[in-house]
Structures are given as structure tokens and as C-alpha cells.
Amino acid sequence: MKIIHMDIKHGSVTLIPETLDDFWVLYNVIERGDTVYARTRREIRLNERYSRPEKGRRISAYLGLKVEDVKWDRSMNRLRIHGIICEAP
């Protein structure tokens, strides 16, 4: 895990996970009520209400989540963080 920035006074850490073990550590560290920021991809669909559904375009977004649940998906080796979006562009 590569630590980019650590602010102990405010309790924040900016890091880049590099291996699956790093995600396992994050699974054990992140708790309910924490705020997690990450870059994600969202699909945007226009005029879907009255027209035939079409494939939307994907955009990259930087979101902040208020954590409600953290799960480790063993079959896909993914860390899934569920919560409410608290910051978005």
C-alpha cells in the first residue's frame, strides 16, 4: 500500500492499494460512519423516460461515501463499500 498523505490531526489518509492484501487491510480498518473517497465510473443515460433505453455513456467521477457497510467479495476479490453519497461533482 502506498501512502500518499497522512493527516493525523484530522484523521485522514490518502493511499493507493497495490495488492489484494491491501484491500483486506482496508476491509478490516474501514468502519461504519467513516467517509471514503474514490474515483468511480458512472453510466449516464439521456431521455430514457419516454424513449427506448439505449446504452449510456460512461463518465469518471470522484465520489465521497458515508460508509454503512463494508464487504469483501471472495469470489471476485473485490472490496465493496456501501453507503450514502455525501459528496459528488
Protein backbone atom coordinates (compact mmCIF):
# COMPACT_ATOMS: atom_id res chain seq x y z
CA MET A 1 0.00 0.00 0.00
CA LYS A 2 1.37 3.36 -0.99
CA ILE A 3 0.54 6.17 1.47
CA ILE A 4 0.32 9.49 -0.38
CA HIS A 5 -0.69 11.77 2.50
CA MET A 6 -1.45 11.27 6.20
CA ASP A 7 -3.09 13.90 8.41
CA ILE A 8 -3.30 12.57 11.96
CA LYS A 9 -4.83 15.80 13.28
CA HIS A 10 -7.90 15.44 11.04
CA GLY A 11 -7.85 11.63 10.90
CA SER A 12 -7.46 11.31 7.14
CA VAL A 13 -5.22 9.18 4.95
CA THR A 14 -4.75 9.25 1.18
CA LEU A 15 -3.45 5.95 -0.17
CA ILE A 16 -3.21 3.68 -3.18
CA PRO A 17 -3.81 -0.05 -2.62
CA GLU A 18 -1.37 -2.15 -4.66
CA THR A 19 -2.18 -5.78 -3.77
CA LEU A 20 -5.17 -7.85 -2.66
CA ASP A 21 -3.73 -7.87 0.86
CA ASP A 22 -4.07 -4.08 0.92
CA PHE A 23 -7.80 -4.40 0.22
CA TRP A 24 -8.09 -6.97 3.01
CA VAL A 25 -6.44 -4.50 5.42
CA LEU A 26 -8.84 -1.75 4.31
CA TYR A 27 -11.76 -4.14 4.85
CA ASN A 28 -10.66 -4.51 8.48
CA VAL A 29 -9.94 -0.79 9.01
CA ILE A 30 -12.93 0.97 7.40
CA GLU A 31 -15.90 1.23 9.77
CA ARG A 32 -19.50 2.36 9.61
CA GLY A 33 -19.68 6.16 9.72
CA ASP A 34 -16.32 6.73 8.01
CA THR A 35 -16.16 8.85 4.87
CA VAL A 36 -14.41 7.23 1.92
CA TYR A 37 -13.46 8.98 -1.32
CA ALA A 38 -12.74 7.14 -4.55
CA ARG A 39 -12.81 7.54 -8.29
CA THR A 40 -15.59 5.56 -9.94
CA ARG A 41 -17.27 5.24 -13.31
CA ARG A 42 -20.94 6.11 -13.73
CA GLU A 43 -23.23 5.44 -16.68
CA ILE A 44 -25.20 8.47 -17.85
CA ARG A 45 -28.38 7.88 -19.84
CA LEU A 46 -30.30 10.67 -21.51
CA ASN A 47 -34.00 10.72 -22.47
CA GLU A 48 -34.65 7.27 -21.03
CA ARG A 49 -38.08 8.06 -19.65
CA TYR A 50 -40.08 8.21 -22.89
CA SER A 51 -37.78 6.63 -25.41
CA ARG A 52 -36.32 3.23 -25.96
CA PRO A 53 -33.49 2.50 -23.49
CA GLU A 54 -30.13 3.00 -25.10
CA LYS A 55 -26.67 2.36 -23.92
CA GLY A 56 -25.45 5.37 -21.96
CA ARG A 57 -22.01 6.87 -21.91
CA ARG A 58 -19.63 6.30 -19.02
CA ILE A 59 -18.00 9.15 -17.16
CA SER A 60 -15.38 9.14 -14.44
CA ALA A 61 -16.41 10.76 -11.15
CA TYR A 62 -14.79 11.36 -7.76
CA LEU A 63 -17.35 10.49 -5.06
CA GLY A 64 -17.45 10.64 -1.28
CA LEU A 65 -19.39 7.93 0.57
CA LYS A 66 -20.62 7.86 4.16
CA VAL A 67 -19.95 4.18 4.91
CA GLU A 68 -22.85 2.00 6.01
CA ASP A 69 -21.43 -1.45 5.23
CA VAL A 70 -18.13 -2.95 4.05
CA LYS A 71 -17.98 -6.37 2.37
CA TRP A 72 -15.16 -8.47 0.97
CA ASP A 73 -16.24 -10.42 -2.12
CA ARG A 74 -14.08 -13.55 -2.05
CA SER A 75 -15.18 -14.86 -5.43
CA MET A 76 -14.23 -11.66 -7.30
CA ASN A 77 -11.54 -10.39 -4.89
CA ARG A 78 -13.23 -7.01 -4.54
CA LEU A 79 -13.81 -4.67 -1.66
CA ARG A 80 -17.38 -3.39 -1.74
CA ILE A 81 -18.20 -0.28 0.25
CA HIS A 82 -21.89 0.56 0.55
CA GLY A 83 -23.17 3.89 1.77
CA ILE A 84 -24.78 7.20 1.03
CA ILE A 85 -23.12 9.59 -1.41
CA CYS A 86 -22.15 12.66 0.61
CA GLU A 87 -20.02 14.48 -1.97
CA ALA A 88 -20.23 14.39 -5.74
CA PRO A 89 -19.37 16.72 -8.64
